Amino acid sequence: MVLNPVIGKLVSKRVVLASASPRRQEILTNVGLRFEVVPSWFKETLEKSSFTAPYEYAIETAKQKALEVANRMHLKHLRTPDIVIGADTIVTVGKQILEKPVDKQDAYKMLSRLSGKEHSVFTGVAIVHCSSKDNRLETEVTDFYEETKVKFAELSEELLWEYIHSGEPMDKAGGYGIQALGGMLVEYIHGDFLNVVGFPLNHFCKKLAELYYPPLKHTIQHVKHDSIPSVETFENLSDGESDSSNPMQHKSANTLERNGMPLSGAVHTLVNSGSIKPVCTVAVENQSGVRECPAKFPSKIVELTDGFRASKVKKKKKKYFFLI
């Protein structure tokens, strides 16, 4: 899993989730991330009309939530957190941003607007890295957003009010929870399901991997093959690197030998100066204690290979004559 290497990096750090959402807590707990929960006191009063796009509003709200917790912990708890995670989920239909309903009537208005329509769910996420220098808090913010399209079925008045009276809409953005009773309202979704629940786990994991394991330039190799354009390949390196300066040579060594012994049950060929030589990898000790191959390399395979190479040369030299 993409998050597993990152968990090792975070195990000694103080990670804080700036959210009281039980859904976000459950999503992050299920992947093994260890964190503290410190709900943000930030008042979500940003002027929505001042943002050119809905996701910008969600990102800024998430960022302010995380920064509020980071500053409060730095001042009050006398121990600065290493990482604070903030998130904010909104629902948009048309150009209108829908957050949590304030009462049942507000929930009814929201769900009525969503009935039979496709809408977008945005979650903005902010990852704040904190440090303390001269008793001052220093922060570095990485943020992103995820969008998921959701289509509601046509909802009857009876179904709407039955769902509202269940109480579920009251703490959900857009007035519904897709992971529970609200799932019966949804006709289809396009995108990350967990993003609709409240936290885009896949995007979050990828972002952490980018932060802690950025691709290194020296791990990019240009590999050329006959009649195939050169491609770039990335060697997956963890904390250590290969001792071999030639990764292709290192790979061949692993193929031919493991734990100091040849691999049995397989025949490999070595290409040397354009010729193909058979190599025996099944060695058996004879009565004199000498290791030798019990059988020769199958001559048919050599003949077929040589024939194929010869045919390629003939094709280049072949001339065509036409009778008139």
C-alpha atoms as a PDB file:
ATOM      1  CA  MET A   1       0.000   0.000   0.000  1.00  0.00           C
ATOM      2  CA  VAL A   2       1.251   3.485  -0.839  1.00  0.00           C
ATOM      3  CA  LEU A   3       0.852   4.788   2.741  1.00  0.00           C
ATOM      4  CA  ASN A   4       2.840   2.002   4.459  1.00  0.00           C
ATOM      5  CA  PRO A   5       6.339   3.456   3.842  1.00  0.00           C
ATOM      6  CA  VAL A   6       5.109   6.874   4.949  1.00  0.00           C
ATOM      7  CA  ILE A   7       3.728   5.520   8.225  1.00  0.00           C
ATOM      8  CA  GLY A   8       7.280   4.510   9.120  1.00  0.00           C
ATOM      9  CA  LYS A   9       8.354   8.119   8.623  1.00  0.00           C
ATOM     10  CA  LEU A  10       5.482   9.456  10.742  1.00  0.00           C
ATOM     11  CA  VAL A  11       5.606   6.946  13.601  1.00  0.00           C
ATOM     12  CA  SER A  12       7.918   9.151  15.686  1.00  0.00           C
ATOM     13  CA  LYS A  13       6.098  12.385  14.840  1.00  0.00           C
ATOM     14  CA  ARG A  14       3.192  14.077  16.575  1.00  0.00           C
ATOM     15  CA  VAL A  15       0.400  14.001  13.993  1.00  0.00           C
ATOM     16  CA  VAL A  16      -2.817  15.905  14.715  1.00  0.00           C
ATOM     17  CA  LEU A  17      -6.154  15.766  12.912  1.00  0.00           C
ATOM     18  CA  ALA A  18      -7.867  19.156  13.196  1.00  0.00           C
ATOM     19  CA  SER A  19     -11.364  17.708  12.837  1.00  0.00           C
ATOM     20  CA  ALA A  20     -14.064  16.289  15.067  1.00  0.00           C
ATOM     21  CA  SER A  21     -15.542  14.294  12.171  1.00  0.00           C
ATOM     22  CA  PRO A  22     -15.847  10.624  13.193  1.00  0.00           C
ATOM     23  CA  ARG A  23     -15.842   9.679   9.515  1.00  0.00           C
ATOM     24  CA  ARG A  24     -12.424  11.253   8.874  1.00  0.00           C
ATOM     25  CA  GLN A  25     -11.072   9.681  12.038  1.00  0.00           C
ATOM     26  CA  GLU A  26     -12.291   6.259  10.942  1.00  0.00           C
ATOM     27  CA  ILE A  27     -10.858   6.569   7.418  1.00  0.00           C
ATOM     28  CA  LEU A  28      -7.377   7.497   8.691  1.00  0.00           C
ATOM     29  CA  THR A  29      -7.457   4.956  11.533  1.00  0.00           C
ATOM     30  CA  ASN A  30      -8.305   2.149   9.111  1.00  0.00           C
ATOM     31  CA  VAL A  31      -5.066   2.677   7.174  1.00  0.00           C
ATOM     32  CA  GLY A  32      -2.938   2.562  10.310  1.00  0.00           C
ATOM     33  CA  LEU A  33      -2.119   6.236  10.747  1.00  0.00           C
ATOM     34  CA  ARG A  34      -1.528   7.173  14.400  1.00  0.00           C
ATOM     35  CA  PHE A  35      -2.788  10.646  15.278  1.00  0.00           C
ATOM     36  CA  GLU A  36      -4.367  12.854  17.915  1.00  0.00           C
ATOM     37  CA  VAL A  37      -7.729  14.550  17.436  1.00  0.00           C
ATOM     38  CA  VAL A  38      -7.852  18.264  18.215  1.00  0.00           C
ATOM     39  CA  PRO A  39     -11.006  19.825  16.719  1.00  0.00           C
ATOM     40  CA  SER A  40     -10.445  23.247  15.203  1.00  0.00           C
ATOM     41  CA  TRP A  41     -12.050  26.356  16.681  1.00  0.00           C
ATOM     42  CA  PHE A  42     -11.891  28.206  13.373  1.00  0.00           C
ATOM     43  CA  LYS A  43     -15.222  29.838  12.546  1.00  0.00           C
ATOM     44  CA  GLU A  44     -16.202  28.915   8.990  1.00  0.00           C
ATOM     45  CA  THR A  45     -17.171  32.456   8.079  1.00  0.00           C
ATOM     46  CA  LEU A  46     -15.104  33.005   4.932  1.00  0.00           C
ATOM     47  CA  GLU A  47     -16.951  34.991   2.275  1.00  0.00           C
ATOM     48  CA  LYS A  48     -17.820  32.429  -0.398  1.00  0.00           C
ATOM     49  CA  SER A  49     -18.290  35.038  -3.114  1.00  0.00           C
ATOM     50  CA  SER A  50     -14.641  36.122  -2.786  1.00  0.00           C
ATOM     51  CA  PHE A  51     -13.442  32.799  -4.246  1.00  0.00           C
ATOM     52  CA  THR A  52     -13.421  32.217  -7.989  1.00  0.00           C
ATOM     53  CA  ALA A  53     -13.966  28.447  -7.631  1.00  0.00           C
ATOM     54  CA  PRO A  54     -15.656  26.316  -4.923  1.00  0.00           C
ATOM     55  CA  TYR A  55     -12.564  24.181  -4.333  1.00  0.00           C
ATOM     56  CA  GLU A  56     -10.580  27.320  -3.422  1.00  0.00           C
ATOM     57  CA  TYR A  57     -13.047  27.990  -0.616  1.00  0.00           C
ATOM     58  CA  ALA A  58     -12.733  24.387   0.647  1.00  0.00           C
ATOM     59  CA  ILE A  59      -8.919  24.511   0.543  1.00  0.00           C
ATOM     60  CA  GLU A  60      -8.723  27.846   2.381  1.00  0.00           C
ATOM     61  CA  THR A  61     -11.136  26.646   5.070  1.00  0.00           C
ATOM     62  CA  ALA A  62      -9.121  23.455   5.562  1.00  0.00           C
ATOM     63  CA  LYS A  63      -5.909  25.475   5.778  1.00  0.00           C
ATOM     64  CA  GLN A  64      -7.333  27.884   8.372  1.00  0.00           C
ATOM     65  CA  LYS A  65      -8.637  24.973  10.453  1.00  0.00           C
ATOM     66  CA  ALA A  66      -5.203  23.340  10.532  1.00  0.00           C
ATOM     67  CA  LEU A  67      -3.315  26.587  11.207  1.00  0.00           C
ATOM     68  CA  GLU A  68      -5.649  27.475  14.094  1.00  0.00           C
ATOM     69  CA  VAL A  69      -4.931  24.137  15.776  1.00  0.00           C
ATOM     70  CA  ALA A  70      -1.178  24.431  15.134  1.00  0.00           C
ATOM     71  CA  ASN A  71      -1.030  27.903  16.688  1.00  0.00           C
ATOM     72  CA  ARG A  72      -3.197  26.965  19.661  1.00  0.00           C
ATOM     73  CA  MET A  73      -1.182  23.855  20.460  1.00  0.00           C
ATOM     74  CA  HIS A  74       2.072  25.760  20.132  1.00  0.00           C
ATOM     75  CA  LEU A  75       0.910  28.429  22.609  1.00  0.00           C
ATOM     76  CA  LYS A  76      -1.178  26.415  25.053  1.00  0.00           C
ATOM     77  CA  HIS A  77       0.299  22.920  25.089  1.00  0.00           C
ATOM     78  CA  LEU A  78       3.987  23.934  25.131  1.00  0.00           C
ATOM     79  CA  ARG A  79       4.676  21.232  22.573  1.00  0.00           C
ATOM     80  CA  THR A  80       4.507  21.995  18.892  1.00  0.00           C
ATOM     81  CA  PRO A  81       2.882  19.305  16.714  1.00  0.00           C
ATOM     82  CA  ASP A  82       4.915  18.020  13.788  1.00  0.00           C
ATOM     83  CA  ILE A  83       2.013  17.711  11.371  1.00  0.00           C
ATOM     84  CA  VAL A  84      -1.550  19.035  11.459  1.00  0.00           C
ATOM     85  CA  ILE A  85      -4.137  17.775   8.954  1.00  0.00           C
ATOM     86  CA  GLY A  86      -7.126  19.958   8.136  1.00  0.00           C
ATOM     87  CA  ALA A  87     -10.045  19.127   5.848  1.00  0.00           C
ATOM     88  CA  ASP A  88     -13.280  20.713   4.670  1.00  0.00           C
ATOM     89  CA  THR A  89     -15.996  19.094   2.546  1.00  0.00           C
ATOM     90  CA  ILE A  90     -18.609  21.031   0.600  1.00  0.00           C
ATOM     91  CA  VAL A  91     -21.358  20.187  -1.879  1.00  0.00           C
ATOM     92  CA  THR A  92     -21.997  22.424  -4.873  1.00  0.00           C
ATOM     93  CA  VAL A  93     -24.981  22.512  -7.188  1.00  0.00           C
ATOM     94  CA  GLY A  94     -24.866  25.101  -9.902  1.00  0.00           C
ATOM     95  CA  LYS A  95     -22.789  27.886  -8.357  1.00  0.00           C
ATOM     96  CA  GLN A  96     -24.175  27.463  -4.862  1.00  0.00           C
ATOM     97  CA  ILE A  97     -22.033  26.006  -2.065  1.00  0.00           C
ATOM     98  CA  LEU A  98     -23.894  23.802   0.390  1.00  0.00           C
ATOM     99  CA  GLU A  99     -22.387  23.046   3.786  1.00  0.00           C
ATOM    100  CA  LYS A 100     -24.091  21.550   6.830  1.00  0.00           C
ATOM    101  CA  PRO A 101     -27.794  22.432   7.264  1.00  0.00           C
ATOM    102  CA  VAL A 102     -28.642  24.614  10.253  1.00  0.00           C
ATOM    103  CA  ASP A 103     -32.030  22.963  10.842  1.00  0.00           C
ATOM    104  CA  LYS A 104     -34.500  20.515   9.273  1.00  0.00           C
ATOM    105  CA  GLN A 105     -36.032  23.127   7.000  1.00  0.00           C
ATOM    106  CA  ASP A 106     -32.584  24.016   5.696  1.00  0.00           C
ATOM    107  CA  ALA A 107     -31.903  20.309   5.122  1.00  0.00           C
ATOM    108  CA  TYR A 108     -35.154  20.045   3.154  1.00  0.00           C
ATOM    109  CA  LYS A 109     -34.117  22.968   0.903  1.00  0.00           C
ATOM    110  CA  MET A 110     -30.728  21.404   0.244  1.00  0.00           C
ATOM    111  CA  LEU A 111     -32.035  17.921  -0.568  1.00  0.00           C
ATOM    112  CA  SER A 112     -34.809  19.328  -2.748  1.00  0.00           C
ATOM    113  CA  ARG A 113     -32.192  21.154  -4.810  1.00  0.00           C
ATOM    114  CA  LEU A 114     -30.170  17.963  -5.217  1.00  0.00           C
ATOM    115  CA  SER A 115     -33.148  15.786  -6.183  1.00  0.00           C
ATOM    116  CA  GLY A 116     -32.750  14.358  -9.690  1.00  0.00           C
ATOM    117  CA  LYS A 117     -29.584  16.369 -10.370  1.00  0.00           C
ATOM    118  CA  GLU A 118     -25.856  15.776 -10.576  1.00  0.00           C
ATOM    119  CA  HIS A 119     -23.756  17.741  -8.119  1.00  0.00           C
ATOM    120  CA  SER A 120     -20.093  17.985  -7.096  1.00  0.00           C
ATOM    121  CA  VAL A 121     -18.529  17.132  -3.755  1.00  0.00           C
ATOM    122  CA  PHE A 122     -15.263  18.945  -3.027  1.00  0.00           C
ATOM    123  CA  THR A 123     -12.912  18.226  -0.149  1.00  0.00           C
ATOM    124  CA  GLY A 124     -10.041  20.583   0.497  1.00  0.00           C
ATOM    125  CA  VAL A 125      -7.131  19.166   2.504  1.00  0.00           C
ATOM    126  CA  ALA A 126      -4.231  21.018   4.131  1.00  0.00           C
ATOM    127  CA  ILE A 127      -1.123  19.284   5.502  1.00  0.00           C
ATOM    128  CA  VAL A 128       0.761  21.684   7.789  1.00  0.00           C
ATOM    129  CA  HIS A 129       4.328  20.822   8.805  1.00  0.00           C
ATOM    130  CA  CYS A 130       5.259  22.675  11.987  1.00  0.00           C
ATOM    131  CA  SER A 131       8.507  23.560  13.694  1.00  0.00           C
ATOM    132  CA  SER A 132       9.512  25.863  16.541  1.00  0.00           C
ATOM    133  CA  LYS A 133      12.406  28.303  16.183  1.00  0.00           C
ATOM    134  CA  ASP A 134      13.269  30.796  18.910  1.00  0.00           C
ATOM    135  CA  ASN A 135       9.920  29.953  20.504  1.00  0.00           C
ATOM    136  CA  ARG A 136       8.127  31.010  17.321  1.00  0.00           C
ATOM    137  CA  LEU A 137       5.953  28.721  15.242  1.00  0.00           C
ATOM    138  CA  GLU A 138       7.048  28.116  11.670  1.00  0.00           C
ATOM    139  CA  THR A 139       4.724  26.351   9.263  1.00  0.00           C
ATOM    140  CA  GLU A 140       4.906  24.907   5.773  1.00  0.00           C
ATOM    141  CA  VAL A 141       1.564  24.174   4.107  1.00  0.00           C
ATOM    142  CA  THR A 142       0.795  21.645   1.382  1.00  0.00           C
ATOM    143  CA  ASP A 143      -2.790  21.647   0.133  1.00  0.00           C
ATOM    144  CA  PHE A 144      -4.927  19.962  -2.513  1.00  0.00           C
ATOM    145  CA  TYR A 145      -8.541  19.162  -3.301  1.00  0.00           C
ATOM    146  CA  GLU A 146     -10.578  16.283  -4.709  1.00  0.00           C
ATOM    147  CA  GLU A 147     -13.841  16.434  -6.682  1.00  0.00           C
ATOM    148  CA  THR A 148     -16.434  13.670  -7.007  1.00  0.00           C
ATOM    149  CA  LYS A 149     -19.604  13.825  -9.106  1.00  0.00           C
ATOM    150  CA  VAL A 150     -22.795  12.483  -7.498  1.00  0.00           C
ATOM    151  CA  LYS A 151     -26.222  12.021  -9.097  1.00  0.00           C
ATOM    152  CA  PHE A 152     -29.376  11.873  -6.966  1.00  0.00           C
ATOM    153  CA  ALA A 153     -32.507  10.008  -7.966  1.00  0.00           C
ATOM    154  CA  GLU A 154     -35.843  11.842  -8.072  1.00  0.00           C
ATOM    155  CA  LEU A 155     -36.874  12.088  -4.416  1.00  0.00           C
ATOM    156  CA  SER A 156     -40.496  12.063  -3.254  1.00  0.00           C
ATOM    157  CA  GLU A 157     -41.685  14.328  -0.452  1.00  0.00           C
ATOM    158  CA  GLU A 158     -42.297  11.282   1.718  1.00  0.00           C
ATOM    159  CA  LEU A 159     -38.751   9.980   1.200  1.00  0.00           C
ATOM    160  CA  LEU A 160     -37.239  13.398   1.797  1.00  0.00           C
ATOM    161  CA  TRP A 161     -38.930  13.944   5.142  1.00  0.00           C
ATOM    162  CA  GLU A 162     -38.398  10.366   6.273  1.00  0.00           C
ATOM    163  CA  TYR A 163     -34.678  10.842   5.719  1.00  0.00           C
ATOM    164  CA  ILE A 164     -34.623  14.275   7.394  1.00  0.00           C
ATOM    165  CA  HIS A 165     -36.464  12.967  10.467  1.00  0.00           C
ATOM    166  CA  SER A 166     -33.811  10.258  10.844  1.00  0.00           C
ATOM    167  CA  GLY A 167     -31.467  13.063  11.963  1.00  0.00           C
ATOM    168  CA  GLU A 168     -28.651  11.962   9.668  1.00  0.00           C
ATOM    169  CA  PRO A 169     -28.546  15.107   7.458  1.00  0.00           C
ATOM    170  CA  MET A 170     -27.844  17.530  10.287  1.00  0.00           C
ATOM    171  CA  ASP A 171     -24.029  17.144  10.488  1.00  0.00           C
ATOM    172  CA  LYS A 172     -23.373  16.354   6.825  1.00  0.00           C
ATOM    173  CA  ALA A 173     -22.283  18.679   4.033  1.00  0.00           C
ATOM    174  CA  GLY A 174     -25.148  18.972   1.559  1.00  0.00           C
ATOM    175  CA  GLY A 175     -27.502  17.364   4.079  1.00  0.00           C
ATOM    176  CA  TYR A 176     -26.724  13.684   3.391  1.00  0.00           C
ATOM    177  CA  GLY A 177     -24.303  10.923   4.279  1.00  0.00           C
ATOM    178  CA  ILE A 178     -23.555   8.550   1.403  1.00  0.00           C
ATOM    179  CA  GLN A 179     -22.040   5.884   3.679  1.00  0.00           C
ATOM    180  CA  ALA A 180     -25.285   5.379   5.630  1.00  0.00           C
ATOM    181  CA  LEU A 181     -29.002   5.991   4.964  1.00  0.00           C
ATOM    182  CA  GLY A 182     -28.163   8.708   2.441  1.00  0.00           C
ATOM    183  CA  GLY A 183     -26.825   6.050   0.109  1.00  0.00           C
ATOM    184  CA  MET A 184     -30.414   5.188  -0.884  1.00  0.00           C
ATOM    185  CA  LEU A 185     -30.774   8.672  -2.417  1.00  0.00           C
ATOM    186  CA  VAL A 186     -27.801   8.256  -4.770  1.00  0.00           C
ATOM    187  CA  GLU A 187     -28.221   7.003  -8.329  1.00  0.00           C
ATOM    188  CA  TYR A 188     -24.515   6.994  -9.233  1.00  0.00           C
ATOM    189  CA  ILE A 189     -21.167   8.558  -8.377  1.00  0.00           C
ATOM    190  CA  HIS A 190     -18.117   9.307 -10.520  1.00  0.00           C
ATOM    191  CA  GLY A 191     -14.866   9.566  -8.585  1.00  0.00           C
ATOM    192  CA  ASP A 192     -13.551   8.829  -5.101  1.00  0.00           C
ATOM    193  CA  PHE A 193     -16.274   7.427  -2.821  1.00  0.00           C
ATOM    194  CA  LEU A 194     -14.358   8.283   0.370  1.00  0.00           C
ATOM    195  CA  ASN A 195     -14.134  11.875  -0.802  1.00  0.00           C
ATOM    196  CA  VAL A 196     -17.926  12.045  -0.538  1.00  0.00           C
ATOM    197  CA  VAL A 197     -17.724  10.473   2.918  1.00  0.00           C
ATOM    198  CA  GLY A 198     -15.419  13.310   3.962  1.00  0.00           C
ATOM    199  CA  PHE A 199     -11.763  12.534   3.214  1.00  0.00           C
ATOM    200  CA  PRO A 200     -10.012  11.731  -0.128  1.00  0.00           C
ATOM    201  CA  LEU A 201      -7.744   8.971   1.163  1.00  0.00           C
ATOM    202  CA  ASN A 202      -6.202   7.988  -2.184  1.00  0.00           C
ATOM    203  CA  HIS A 203      -5.135  11.542  -3.031  1.00  0.00           C
ATOM    204  CA  PHE A 204      -3.898  12.070   0.537  1.00  0.00           C
ATOM    205  CA  CYS A 205      -1.675   8.974   0.362  1.00  0.00           C
ATOM    206  CA  LYS A 206      -0.214  10.051  -2.968  1.00  0.00           C
ATOM    207  CA  LYS A 207       0.508  13.525  -1.627  1.00  0.00           C
ATOM    208  CA  LEU A 208       2.311  12.114   1.417  1.00  0.00           C
ATOM    209  CA  ALA A 209       4.361   9.860  -0.860  1.00  0.00           C
ATOM    210  CA  GLU A 210       5.344  12.912  -2.925  1.00  0.00           C
ATOM    211  CA  LEU A 211       6.400  14.775   0.208  1.00  0.00           C
ATOM    212  CA  TYR A 212       8.437  11.969   1.779  1.00  0.00           C
ATOM    213  CA  TYR A 213       9.584  10.011  -1.280  1.00  0.00           C
ATOM    214  CA  PRO A 214      10.081  12.462  -4.177  1.00  0.00           C
ATOM    215  CA  PRO A 215      11.499  10.854  -7.364  1.00  0.00           C
ATOM    216  CA  LEU A 216      15.263  11.284  -7.644  1.00  0.00           C
ATOM    217  CA  LYS A 217      16.806  12.370 -10.940  1.00  0.00           C
ATOM    218  CA  HIS A 218      19.552   9.733 -10.807  1.00  0.00           C
ATOM    219  CA  THR A 219      16.921   6.962 -10.669  1.00  0.00           C
ATOM    220  CA  ILE A 220      15.767   7.804 -14.210  1.00  0.00           C
ATOM    221  CA  GLN A 221      17.326   5.611 -16.882  1.00  0.00           C
ATOM    222  CA  HIS A 222      17.034   5.757 -20.641  1.00  0.00           C
ATOM    223  CA  VAL A 223      16.708   2.221 -22.002  1.00  0.00           C
ATOM    224  CA  LYS A 224      17.005   1.582 -25.735  1.00  0.00           C
ATOM    225  CA  HIS A 225      15.746  -1.478 -27.586  1.00  0.00           C
ATOM    226  CA  ASP A 226      15.899  -2.382 -31.273  1.00  0.00           C
ATOM    227  CA  SER A 227      13.021  -0.797 -33.193  1.00  0.00           C
ATOM    228  CA  ILE A 228      11.570   0.559 -29.908  1.00  0.00           C
ATOM    229  CA  PRO A 229      11.850   4.234 -28.890  1.00  0.00           C
ATOM    230  CA  SER A 230      13.819   4.928 -25.734  1.00  0.00           C
ATOM    231  CA  VAL A 231      11.731   5.056 -22.576  1.00  0.00           C
ATOM    232  CA  GLU A 232      12.291   6.330 -19.075  1.00  0.00           C
ATOM    233  CA  THR A 233      12.168   3.819 -16.259  1.00  0.00           C
ATOM    234  CA  PHE A 234      12.174   4.487 -12.526  1.00  0.00           C
ATOM    235  CA  GLU A 235      13.949   2.140 -10.139  1.00  0.00           C
ATOM    236  CA  ASN A 236      11.933   1.885  -6.933  1.00  0.00           C
ATOM    237  CA  LEU A 237      14.429   2.755  -4.241  1.00  0.00           C
ATOM    238  CA  SER A 238      13.669   2.920  -0.548  1.00  0.00           C
ATOM    239  CA  ASP A 239      16.159   4.148   2.051  1.00  0.00           C
ATOM    240  CA  GLY A 240      19.100   2.386   0.392  1.00  0.00           C
ATOM    241  CA  GLU A 241      20.389   2.209  -3.162  1.00  0.00           C
ATOM    242  CA  SER A 242      21.858  -0.581  -5.217  1.00  0.00           C
ATOM    243  CA  ASP A 243      25.596  -1.063  -4.877  1.00  0.00           C
ATOM    244  CA  SER A 244      25.913  -1.823  -8.561  1.00  0.00           C
ATOM    245  CA  SER A 245      26.561   1.118 -10.855  1.00  0.00           C
ATOM    246  CA  ASN A 246      24.829  -0.800 -13.642  1.00  0.00           C
ATOM    247  CA  PRO A 247      21.238  -1.651 -12.613  1.00  0.00           C
ATOM    248  CA  MET A 248      20.753  -3.911 -15.639  1.00  0.00           C
ATOM    249  CA  GLN A 249      23.855  -5.894 -14.692  1.00  0.00           C
ATOM    250  CA  HIS A 250      22.605  -6.112 -11.116  1.00  0.00           C
ATOM    251  CA  LYS A 251      19.286  -7.449 -12.370  1.00  0.00           C
ATOM    252  CA  SER A 252      21.017 -10.148 -14.434  1.00  0.00           C
ATOM    253  CA  ALA A 253      23.038 -11.238 -11.442  1.00  0.00           C
ATOM    254  CA  ASN A 254      19.862 -11.621  -9.396  1.00  0.00           C
ATOM    255  CA  THR A 255      18.306 -13.652 -12.191  1.00  0.00           C
ATOM    256  CA  LEU A 256      21.174 -16.064 -12.601  1.00  0.00           C
ATOM    257  CA  GLU A 257      22.107 -16.512  -8.983  1.00  0.00           C
ATOM    258  CA  ARG A 258      20.289 -16.371  -5.673  1.00  0.00           C
ATOM    259  CA  ASN A 259      21.972 -16.828  -2.273  1.00  0.00           C
ATOM    260  CA  GLY A 260      25.187 -17.847  -4.001  1.00  0.00           C
ATOM    261  CA  MET A 261      23.589 -20.784  -5.831  1.00  0.00           C
ATOM    262  CA  PRO A 262      22.445 -20.979  -9.447  1.00  0.00           C
ATOM    263  CA  LEU A 263      18.716 -21.074 -10.072  1.00  0.00           C
ATOM    264  CA  SER A 264      17.663 -24.594 -11.021  1.00  0.00           C
ATOM    265  CA  GLY A 265      15.021 -25.606 -13.498  1.00  0.00           C
ATOM    266  CA  ALA A 266      15.758 -22.718 -15.893  1.00  0.00           C
ATOM    267  CA  VAL A 267      18.023 -22.078 -18.871  1.00  0.00           C
ATOM    268  CA  HIS A 268      19.392 -18.595 -19.557  1.00  0.00           C
ATOM    269  CA  THR A 269      21.336 -17.227 -22.521  1.00  0.00           C
ATOM    270  CA  LEU A 270      24.053 -14.617 -22.432  1.00  0.00           C
ATOM    271  CA  VAL A 271      24.384 -12.220 -25.344  1.00  0.00           C
ATOM    272  CA  ASN A 272      28.039 -11.510 -26.059  1.00  0.00           C
ATOM    273  CA  SER A 273      29.274  -9.730 -29.199  1.00  0.00           C
ATOM    274  CA  GLY A 274      26.183 -10.730 -31.122  1.00  0.00           C
ATOM    275  CA  SER A 275      26.516 -14.468 -30.445  1.00  0.00           C
ATOM    276  CA  ILE A 276      24.303 -16.556 -28.223  1.00  0.00           C
ATOM    277  CA  LYS A 277      25.931 -19.063 -25.914  1.00  0.00           C
ATOM    278  CA  PRO A 278      24.054 -21.640 -23.887  1.00  0.00           C
ATOM    279  CA  VAL A 279      24.498 -21.533 -20.136  1.00  0.00           C
ATOM    280  CA  CYS A 280      23.634 -24.447 -17.901  1.00  0.00           C
ATOM    281  CA  THR A 281      22.096 -23.497 -14.567  1.00  0.00           C
ATOM    282  CA  VAL A 282      21.402 -27.030 -13.330  1.00  0.00           C
ATOM    283  CA  ALA A 283      24.805 -28.238 -12.072  1.00  0.00           C
ATOM    284  CA  VAL A 284      25.256 -31.655 -10.473  1.00  0.00           C
ATOM    285  CA  GLU A 285      28.315 -33.021  -8.711  1.00  0.00           C
ATOM    286  CA  ASN A 286      29.761 -36.196 -10.267  1.00  0.00           C
ATOM    287  CA  GLN A 287      31.567 -38.976  -8.398  1.00  0.00           C
ATOM    288  CA  SER A 288      34.842 -37.003  -8.509  1.00  0.00           C
ATOM    289  CA  GLY A 289      33.183 -34.050  -6.803  1.00  0.00           C
ATOM    290  CA  VAL A 290      33.263 -31.902  -9.935  1.00  0.00           C
ATOM    291  CA  ARG A 291      30.125 -29.887 -10.791  1.00  0.00           C
ATOM    292  CA  GLU A 292      29.032 -30.429 -14.392  1.00  0.00           C
ATOM    293  CA  CYS A 293      25.936 -30.089 -16.553  1.00  0.00           C
ATOM    294  CA  PRO A 294      24.025 -33.344 -16.900  1.00  0.00           C
ATOM    295  CA  ALA A 295      22.645 -32.427 -20.296  1.00  0.00           C
ATOM    296  CA  LYS A 296      23.590 -30.176 -23.161  1.00  0.00           C
ATOM    297  CA  PHE A 297      21.673 -27.075 -24.061  1.00  0.00           C
ATOM    298  CA  PRO A 298      18.832 -28.090 -26.429  1.00  0.00           C
ATOM    299  CA  SER A 299      20.299 -27.796 -29.922  1.00  0.00           C
ATOM    300  CA  LYS A 300      16.857 -27.176 -31.488  1.00  0.00           C
ATOM    301  CA  ILE A 301      16.517 -23.876 -29.639  1.00  0.00           C
ATOM    302  CA  VAL A 302      19.966 -22.756 -30.823  1.00  0.00           C
ATOM    303  CA  GLU A 303      19.091 -23.738 -34.404  1.00  0.00           C
ATOM    304  CA  LEU A 304      15.804 -21.829 -34.263  1.00  0.00           C
ATOM    305  CA  THR A 305      17.512 -18.773 -32.795  1.00  0.00           C
ATOM    306  CA  ASP A 306      20.344 -18.827 -35.356  1.00  0.00           C
ATOM    307  CA  GLY A 307      17.804 -19.353 -38.121  1.00  0.00           C
ATOM    308  CA  PHE A 308      15.820 -16.356 -36.974  1.00  0.00           C
ATOM    309  CA  ARG A 309      18.947 -14.163 -36.889  1.00  0.00           C
ATOM    310  CA  ALA A 310      19.978 -15.391 -40.338  1.00  0.00           C
ATOM    311  CA  SER A 311      16.531 -14.676 -41.767  1.00  0.00           C
ATOM    312  CA  LYS A 312      16.770 -11.054 -40.626  1.00  0.00           C
ATOM    313  CA  VAL A 313      20.077 -10.684 -42.519  1.00  0.00           C
ATOM    314  CA  LYS A 314      18.668 -12.343 -45.645  1.00  0.00           C
ATOM    315  CA  LYS A 315      15.668 -10.044 -45.656  1.00  0.00           C
ATOM    316  CA  LYS A 316      17.948  -7.032 -45.810  1.00  0.00           C
ATOM    317  CA  LYS A 317      19.926  -8.486 -48.772  1.00  0.00           C
ATOM    318  CA  LYS A 318      17.014 -10.062 -50.642  1.00  0.00           C
ATOM    319  CA  LYS A 319      16.418  -8.865 -54.216  1.00  0.00           C
ATOM    320  CA  TYR A 320      13.282  -9.297 -56.245  1.00  0.00           C
ATOM    321  CA  PHE A 321      13.232 -10.251 -59.989  1.00  0.00           C
ATOM    322  CA  PHE A 322      10.192  -9.886 -62.189  1.00  0.00           C
ATOM    323  CA  LEU A 323       9.557 -11.923 -65.353  1.00  0.00           C
ATOM    324  CA  ILE A 324       8.223  -9.861 -68.269  1.00  0.00           C
END
